[in-house]
Amino acid sequence: MRLFFTYLVIALLVIGCKQESPSPAEDAFPETPFLIEQGEITYNGSPVTYNGVNALQTFGLSDSAIMNEWGIEIVREFIGNLREQPIEEDAILASDGNWYHGLQKIVDQNRANGKVTILCPFGWVNEAGEQTLFTGLNPSEQSFYSEYKTKMRAIASHFKDQPDVWIEVWNEPYSWNNQHGYTHSLWLSDMKDMVTNLRSVSGFYNVILVPGNEQGQAEDAILAEGNKLLNDQHNLLFDLHAYEKWLIDQSTEEITSRINALKSEGFAIVFGEVGVINASGLMQVDHFLTAAQTTNTSTLAWLWNKNSGDQNALLNDNGGANNNENNNWGNTFKNFLAQ
């Protein structure tokens, strides 16, 4: 009998210890220099705002001196051929006939010049060299989705000890008008799956960017389902793209109100793209940039490229500000960066 009570006491102690131990979901997220806390991007515990550009350095490194002159703090890198994109290798000639440069070399140059890097997949190229751009697609319904997840894990595994490298799960998913089977539930399911895919890499605690719906322009899904995503995951930054749905028929006050509505719900946001040309034609951006500055919201321009003939290109063919029939886009964003 005395032996029975001894076993009983031991059993109760074991049960009590188990009940007091926190579950894995309750464990504190490991400390990293960059954290998303209380709806803000923080660096070593202090709120920060980073403004910058989208770049095409997978096709070749940009002139870092010009980037520095403009005061660029963050660069979102275009990955148009995710399947074949080299991570740490030298440049390769891919099946689509393009040369692609390794992501680590791009990151190294950005880092050497004090810039955060966002790596974002924009497209997939199959074995026949045919490209499928991600914009407007339902991620989990794509035939290459399983291969996409494998490659994204490989990128996360390589950069897990480089906290100034952030990874975006997908560029501009879902139809611009919420067609083709779109629902907020689909957004939540896909985002959970793509974020979990990256977090499944042991030690990967880097910031992850999650796009909105309506080809990345709308905040509706974030407001409706974002908290369910945040309940399960850490270090998430929501990415919105400012084109028609932010630039047309929107005053500075209305844009400011929309941004503050997201922040008041605890969602940290970045405008991963803003440009003056899209499907509707040439647009004004001054009112949007004023709202972004007023709300201290990180904003990245589309596009850092030397091309006088591209109205969205920030640079002309000679490397100066491109103000060619584009509402002085080059000088406008350069002045924004200088504020």
Protein backbone atom coordinates (compact mmCIF):
# COMPACT_ATOMS: atom_id res chain seq x y z
CA MET A 1 0.00 0.00 0.00
CA ARG A 2 2.80 2.41 0.89
CA LEU A 3 4.39 1.63 -2.50
CA PHE A 4 1.10 2.47 -4.26
CA PHE A 5 0.94 5.92 -2.64
CA THR A 6 4.57 6.54 -3.57
CA TYR A 7 3.76 5.83 -7.24
CA LEU A 8 0.64 8.01 -7.02
CA VAL A 9 2.59 11.00 -5.66
CA ILE A 10 5.21 10.62 -8.42
CA ALA A 11 2.48 10.44 -11.09
CA LEU A 12 0.78 13.58 -9.79
CA LEU A 13 4.08 15.46 -9.74
CA VAL A 14 4.77 14.46 -13.36
CA ILE A 15 1.28 15.56 -14.46
CA GLY A 16 1.68 18.85 -12.61
CA CYS A 17 5.00 19.52 -14.28
CA LYS A 18 3.54 18.84 -17.71
CA GLN A 19 0.64 21.20 -17.11
CA GLU A 20 2.99 24.03 -16.15
CA SER A 21 5.27 23.65 -19.19
CA PRO A 22 4.45 26.03 -22.04
CA SER A 23 3.37 24.60 -25.37
CA PRO A 24 5.61 25.20 -28.39
CA ALA A 25 3.12 27.78 -29.67
CA GLU A 26 3.62 29.80 -26.48
CA ASP A 27 7.40 29.81 -26.62
CA ALA A 28 8.94 33.24 -27.15
CA PHE A 29 10.09 33.98 -30.70
CA PRO A 30 13.91 34.04 -30.77
CA GLU A 31 15.56 37.43 -30.64
CA THR A 32 16.73 38.73 -34.00
CA PRO A 33 17.78 42.28 -34.98
CA PHE A 34 14.70 42.74 -37.17
CA LEU A 35 11.36 42.05 -35.52
CA ILE A 36 7.76 42.90 -36.29
CA GLU A 37 6.38 44.08 -32.96
CA GLN A 38 3.07 45.79 -32.16
CA GLY A 39 2.40 46.61 -35.78
CA GLU A 40 5.85 48.09 -36.51
CA ILE A 41 9.15 47.09 -38.05
CA THR A 42 11.81 47.26 -35.35
CA TYR A 43 15.58 47.05 -35.45
CA ASN A 44 17.23 46.17 -32.15
CA GLY A 45 14.00 47.12 -30.42
CA SER A 46 13.48 50.54 -32.02
CA PRO A 47 10.83 51.31 -34.69
CA VAL A 48 12.28 51.92 -38.15
CA THR A 49 11.03 52.95 -41.58
CA TYR A 50 12.88 51.85 -44.72
CA ASN A 51 12.27 53.39 -48.13
CA GLY A 52 13.71 52.00 -51.31
CA VAL A 53 13.16 50.42 -54.69
CA ASN A 54 12.43 47.27 -56.62
CA ALA A 55 15.44 46.10 -58.62
CA LEU A 56 16.34 43.62 -61.34
CA GLN A 57 19.74 42.58 -60.04
CA THR A 58 19.15 38.92 -60.81
CA PHE A 59 20.01 40.01 -64.37
CA GLY A 60 23.15 41.87 -63.23
CA LEU A 61 24.31 44.02 -60.32
CA SER A 62 23.30 47.69 -60.31
CA ASP A 63 25.64 50.62 -59.75
CA SER A 64 25.73 50.83 -55.95
CA ALA A 65 27.07 54.40 -56.05
CA ILE A 66 23.88 55.67 -57.69
CA MET A 67 21.73 53.76 -55.19
CA ASN A 68 23.69 55.32 -52.35
CA GLU A 69 23.33 58.78 -53.87
CA TRP A 70 19.56 58.37 -53.87
CA GLY A 71 19.50 57.27 -50.22
CA ILE A 72 17.96 53.85 -50.86
CA GLU A 73 17.65 51.79 -47.66
CA ILE A 74 15.88 48.63 -48.82
CA VAL A 75 15.78 46.73 -52.11
CA ARG A 76 13.12 44.26 -53.24
CA GLU A 77 14.71 41.87 -55.69
CA PHE A 78 12.83 40.45 -58.66
CA ILE A 79 13.10 36.66 -59.10
CA GLY A 80 11.50 35.92 -62.45
CA ASN A 81 12.71 32.34 -62.81
CA LEU A 82 12.38 30.81 -59.37
CA ARG A 83 13.01 27.25 -60.55
CA GLU A 84 16.45 27.95 -61.97
CA GLN A 85 17.46 30.97 -59.89
CA PRO A 86 20.94 30.34 -58.44
CA ILE A 87 21.23 30.99 -54.72
CA GLU A 88 24.95 31.10 -54.00
CA GLU A 89 26.33 29.90 -57.32
CA ASP A 90 27.78 32.06 -60.09
CA ALA A 91 25.59 33.32 -62.93
CA ILE A 92 23.91 30.64 -65.04
CA LEU A 93 22.37 30.60 -68.52
CA ALA A 94 18.82 29.37 -67.90
CA SER A 95 16.37 27.56 -70.16
CA ASP A 96 14.66 30.84 -71.08
CA GLY A 97 17.87 32.19 -72.57
CA ASN A 98 18.58 34.67 -69.75
CA TRP A 99 21.64 34.85 -67.50
CA TYR A 100 20.73 34.85 -63.79
CA HIS A 101 23.10 35.98 -61.04
CA GLY A 102 23.28 34.33 -57.62
CA LEU A 103 21.15 35.77 -54.82
CA GLN A 104 24.02 35.77 -52.32
CA LYS A 105 26.11 38.10 -54.49
CA ILE A 106 23.16 40.48 -54.76
CA VAL A 107 22.64 40.38 -51.01
CA ASP A 108 26.35 40.91 -50.38
CA GLN A 109 26.39 44.10 -52.43
CA ASN A 110 23.21 45.41 -50.84
CA ARG A 111 24.56 44.65 -47.36
CA ALA A 112 27.93 46.23 -48.08
CA ASN A 113 26.01 49.43 -48.81
CA GLY A 114 23.79 49.24 -45.73
CA LYS A 115 20.64 47.98 -47.40
CA VAL A 116 18.05 45.40 -46.37
CA THR A 117 17.17 42.90 -49.10
CA ILE A 118 13.72 41.46 -49.86
CA LEU A 119 13.75 38.38 -52.07
CA CYS A 120 10.47 37.94 -53.94
CA PRO A 121 9.45 35.27 -56.47
CA PHE A 122 7.74 36.82 -59.50
CA GLY A 123 7.64 33.90 -61.91
CA TRP A 124 8.31 30.30 -62.79
CA VAL A 125 10.06 29.01 -65.91
CA ASN A 126 9.45 25.41 -66.95
CA GLU A 127 11.91 23.04 -68.65
CA ALA A 128 10.79 24.30 -72.06
CA GLY A 129 11.79 27.86 -71.16
CA GLU A 130 8.20 29.12 -70.85
CA GLN A 131 7.62 31.68 -68.10
CA THR A 132 4.53 31.94 -65.91
CA LEU A 133 4.29 35.18 -63.98
CA PHE A 134 2.79 34.84 -60.49
CA THR A 135 0.71 38.01 -60.59
CA GLY A 136 -3.04 37.33 -60.51
CA LEU A 137 -2.68 33.59 -59.83
CA ASN A 138 -4.08 31.45 -57.01
CA PRO A 139 -0.82 30.03 -55.59
CA SER A 140 -1.89 26.61 -54.35
CA GLU A 141 -3.67 25.81 -57.63
CA GLN A 142 -0.54 25.99 -59.76
CA SER A 143 0.92 22.77 -61.16
CA PHE A 144 4.40 23.78 -59.96
CA TYR A 145 3.29 24.67 -56.42
CA SER A 146 5.07 21.73 -54.76
CA GLU A 147 8.31 22.55 -56.60
CA TYR A 148 7.85 26.22 -55.66
CA LYS A 149 7.74 25.26 -51.96
CA THR A 150 10.87 23.15 -52.27
CA LYS A 151 12.85 26.00 -53.86
CA MET A 152 11.57 28.53 -51.32
CA ARG A 153 12.73 26.27 -48.48
CA ALA A 154 16.14 26.09 -50.09
CA ILE A 155 16.34 29.89 -50.20
CA ALA A 156 15.20 30.15 -46.58
CA SER A 157 17.72 27.53 -45.48
CA HIS A 158 20.57 29.41 -47.11
CA PHE A 159 19.65 32.83 -45.68
CA LYS A 160 18.43 31.78 -42.23
CA ASP A 161 21.50 33.24 -40.52
CA GLN A 162 21.30 36.52 -42.47
CA PRO A 163 18.51 38.49 -40.76
CA ASP A 164 18.79 41.46 -43.13
CA VAL A 165 17.40 39.20 -45.85
CA TRP A 166 13.60 39.09 -45.85
CA ILE A 167 11.57 36.72 -47.99
CA GLU A 168 8.21 37.42 -49.62
CA VAL A 169 6.08 34.38 -50.31
CA TRP A 170 4.51 35.42 -53.66
CA ASN A 171 4.18 38.48 -55.87
CA GLU A 172 0.66 39.90 -56.31
CA PRO A 173 -1.56 36.83 -55.94
CA TYR A 174 -5.23 36.55 -56.96
CA SER A 175 -7.37 38.29 -59.53
CA TRP A 176 -7.59 42.10 -59.43
CA ASN A 177 -11.40 41.81 -59.10
CA ASN A 178 -11.53 38.79 -56.75
CA GLN A 179 -12.65 36.38 -59.47
CA HIS A 180 -11.35 32.93 -60.47
CA GLY A 181 -12.51 31.30 -57.25
CA TYR A 182 -10.97 33.81 -54.88
CA THR A 183 -12.17 34.00 -51.26
CA HIS A 184 -10.58 35.41 -48.13
CA SER A 185 -10.51 31.84 -46.84
CA LEU A 186 -8.36 30.85 -49.81
CA TRP A 187 -6.02 33.76 -49.08
CA LEU A 188 -5.68 32.65 -45.45
CA SER A 189 -5.13 29.01 -46.39
CA ASP A 190 -2.52 29.81 -49.01
CA MET A 191 -0.68 32.33 -46.85
CA LYS A 192 -0.59 29.95 -43.90
CA ASP A 193 0.79 27.20 -46.10
CA MET A 194 3.47 29.35 -47.73
CA VAL A 195 4.57 30.93 -44.45
CA THR A 196 4.62 27.56 -42.67
CA ASN A 197 6.67 26.18 -45.54
CA LEU A 198 9.41 28.74 -44.82
CA ARG A 199 9.17 28.38 -41.03
CA SER A 200 9.59 24.62 -41.40
CA VAL A 201 13.26 25.37 -42.07
CA SER A 202 14.96 25.00 -38.69
CA GLY A 203 16.38 28.30 -37.50
CA PHE A 204 14.65 30.48 -40.11
CA TYR A 205 13.35 33.45 -38.12
CA ASN A 206 13.79 36.16 -40.79
CA VAL A 207 10.98 38.58 -41.61
CA ILE A 208 8.43 37.10 -44.03
CA LEU A 209 6.36 39.35 -46.30
CA VAL A 210 2.74 38.42 -46.96
CA PRO A 211 0.91 40.09 -49.88
CA GLY A 212 -2.65 41.38 -49.87
CA ASN A 213 -5.39 40.23 -52.23
CA GLU A 214 -6.49 41.70 -55.59
CA GLN A 215 -3.03 41.32 -57.17
CA GLY A 216 -1.48 42.69 -54.00
CA GLN A 217 -3.34 46.00 -53.97
CA ALA A 218 -6.17 45.33 -51.51
CA GLU A 219 -6.06 45.22 -47.73
CA ASP A 220 -9.47 43.53 -47.37
CA ALA A 221 -8.10 40.03 -46.75
CA ILE A 222 -5.59 41.34 -44.22
CA LEU A 223 -8.32 43.11 -42.24
CA ALA A 224 -10.66 40.10 -42.44
CA GLU A 225 -8.24 37.22 -41.81
CA GLY A 226 -4.84 38.67 -40.93
CA ASN A 227 -5.21 38.12 -37.19
CA LYS A 228 -5.73 34.40 -37.76
CA LEU A 229 -2.42 34.32 -39.56
CA LEU A 230 -0.67 36.31 -36.83
CA ASN A 231 -2.05 33.98 -34.15
CA ASP A 232 -0.01 31.13 -35.63
CA GLN A 233 3.09 32.90 -36.89
CA HIS A 234 5.67 35.55 -35.98
CA ASN A 235 7.66 38.22 -37.78
CA LEU A 236 5.13 38.81 -40.56
CA LEU A 237 5.07 42.01 -42.59
CA PHE A 238 2.10 42.64 -44.88
CA ASP A 239 2.89 43.95 -48.36
CA LEU A 240 0.51 46.17 -50.36
CA HIS A 241 1.06 47.61 -53.83
CA ALA A 242 -0.03 51.14 -54.57
CA TYR A 243 -1.48 51.45 -58.03
CA GLU A 244 -5.08 52.17 -59.08
CA LYS A 245 -6.73 51.15 -55.81
CA TRP A 246 -4.54 53.61 -53.89
CA LEU A 247 -3.78 56.33 -56.42
CA ILE A 248 -7.09 56.95 -58.23
CA ASP A 249 -10.02 58.70 -56.53
CA GLN A 250 -8.18 58.66 -53.21
CA SER A 251 -7.22 61.78 -51.28
CA THR A 252 -4.21 62.01 -49.00
CA GLU A 253 -6.61 61.93 -46.04
CA GLU A 254 -8.36 58.80 -47.30
CA ILE A 255 -5.07 57.00 -47.91
CA THR A 256 -3.84 58.00 -44.46
CA SER A 257 -7.05 56.68 -42.93
CA ARG A 258 -6.69 53.32 -44.68
CA ILE A 259 -3.08 52.97 -43.51
CA ASN A 260 -3.99 53.88 -39.94
CA ALA A 261 -6.89 51.41 -39.96
CA LEU A 262 -4.41 48.60 -40.66
CA LYS A 263 -1.90 49.79 -38.08
CA SER A 264 -4.59 50.20 -35.42
CA GLU A 265 -5.39 46.50 -35.83
CA GLY A 266 -1.76 45.60 -35.20
CA PHE A 267 -0.76 44.90 -38.82
CA ALA A 268 2.71 46.05 -39.82
CA ILE A 269 2.67 47.03 -43.49
CA VAL A 270 5.02 48.01 -46.25
CA PHE A 271 4.16 49.31 -49.70
CA GLY A 272 6.33 46.94 -51.68
CA GLU A 273 5.53 48.72 -54.93
CA VAL A 274 4.31 52.13 -56.03
CA GLY A 275 4.54 53.30 -59.61
CA VAL A 276 3.03 55.84 -61.98
CA ILE A 277 2.01 53.50 -64.82
CA ASN A 278 -0.28 50.49 -64.67
CA ALA A 279 -3.22 49.08 -66.61
CA SER A 280 -5.21 52.32 -66.37
CA GLY A 281 -2.37 54.50 -67.68
CA LEU A 282 -0.39 57.35 -66.13
CA MET A 283 -1.26 58.23 -62.52
CA GLN A 284 -0.30 60.86 -59.93
CA VAL A 285 1.54 59.68 -56.81
CA ASP A 286 2.27 62.84 -54.79
CA HIS A 287 -0.79 62.47 -52.55
CA PHE A 288 0.09 58.86 -51.80
CA LEU A 289 3.73 59.65 -50.98
CA THR A 290 2.58 62.40 -48.63
CA ALA A 291 0.41 59.87 -46.76
CA ALA A 292 3.25 57.33 -46.64
CA GLN A 293 5.60 59.92 -45.19
CA THR A 294 3.04 61.19 -42.67
CA THR A 295 2.35 57.67 -41.39
CA ASN A 296 6.00 56.55 -41.43
CA THR A 297 5.16 53.67 -43.75
CA SER A 298 8.02 51.97 -45.59
CA THR A 299 7.60 52.41 -49.33
CA LEU A 300 9.43 50.98 -52.35
CA ALA A 301 9.23 52.33 -55.88
CA TRP A 302 8.78 50.37 -59.06
CA LEU A 303 11.30 50.37 -60.77
CA TRP A 304 15.08 50.83 -60.37
CA ASN A 305 16.07 50.52 -63.99
CA LYS A 306 17.94 52.57 -66.60
CA ASN A 307 15.37 52.95 -69.35
CA SER A 308 14.23 56.34 -70.61
CA GLY A 309 11.42 54.66 -72.55
CA ASP A 310 9.85 52.99 -69.50
CA GLN A 311 7.67 55.51 -67.67
CA ASN A 312 7.98 53.54 -64.41
CA ALA A 313 11.78 53.44 -64.62
CA LEU A 314 13.38 55.77 -62.09
CA LEU A 315 16.55 56.18 -64.15
CA ASN A 316 17.07 57.33 -67.72
CA ASP A 317 19.50 55.65 -70.09
CA ASN A 318 22.38 57.72 -68.70
CA GLY A 319 21.67 56.92 -65.04
CA GLY A 320 20.04 60.23 -64.12
CA ALA A 321 16.49 60.70 -62.83
CA ASN A 322 13.95 59.65 -65.49
CA ASN A 323 11.34 62.38 -65.90
CA ASN A 324 10.27 61.43 -69.42
CA GLU A 325 6.46 61.77 -69.79
CA ASN A 326 5.91 60.19 -66.38
CA ASN A 327 4.87 63.06 -64.07
CA ASN A 328 8.55 63.54 -63.20
CA TRP A 329 8.60 60.16 -61.51
CA GLY A 330 12.37 60.04 -61.16
CA ASN A 331 12.73 63.34 -59.32
CA THR A 332 9.48 62.81 -57.42
CA PHE A 333 10.66 59.59 -55.77
CA LYS A 334 14.22 60.81 -55.35
CA ASN A 335 12.85 63.79 -53.39
CA PHE A 336 10.69 61.43 -51.33
CA LEU A 337 13.75 59.41 -50.38
CA ALA A 338 15.56 62.56 -49.34
CA GLN A 339 12.87 63.62 -46.84
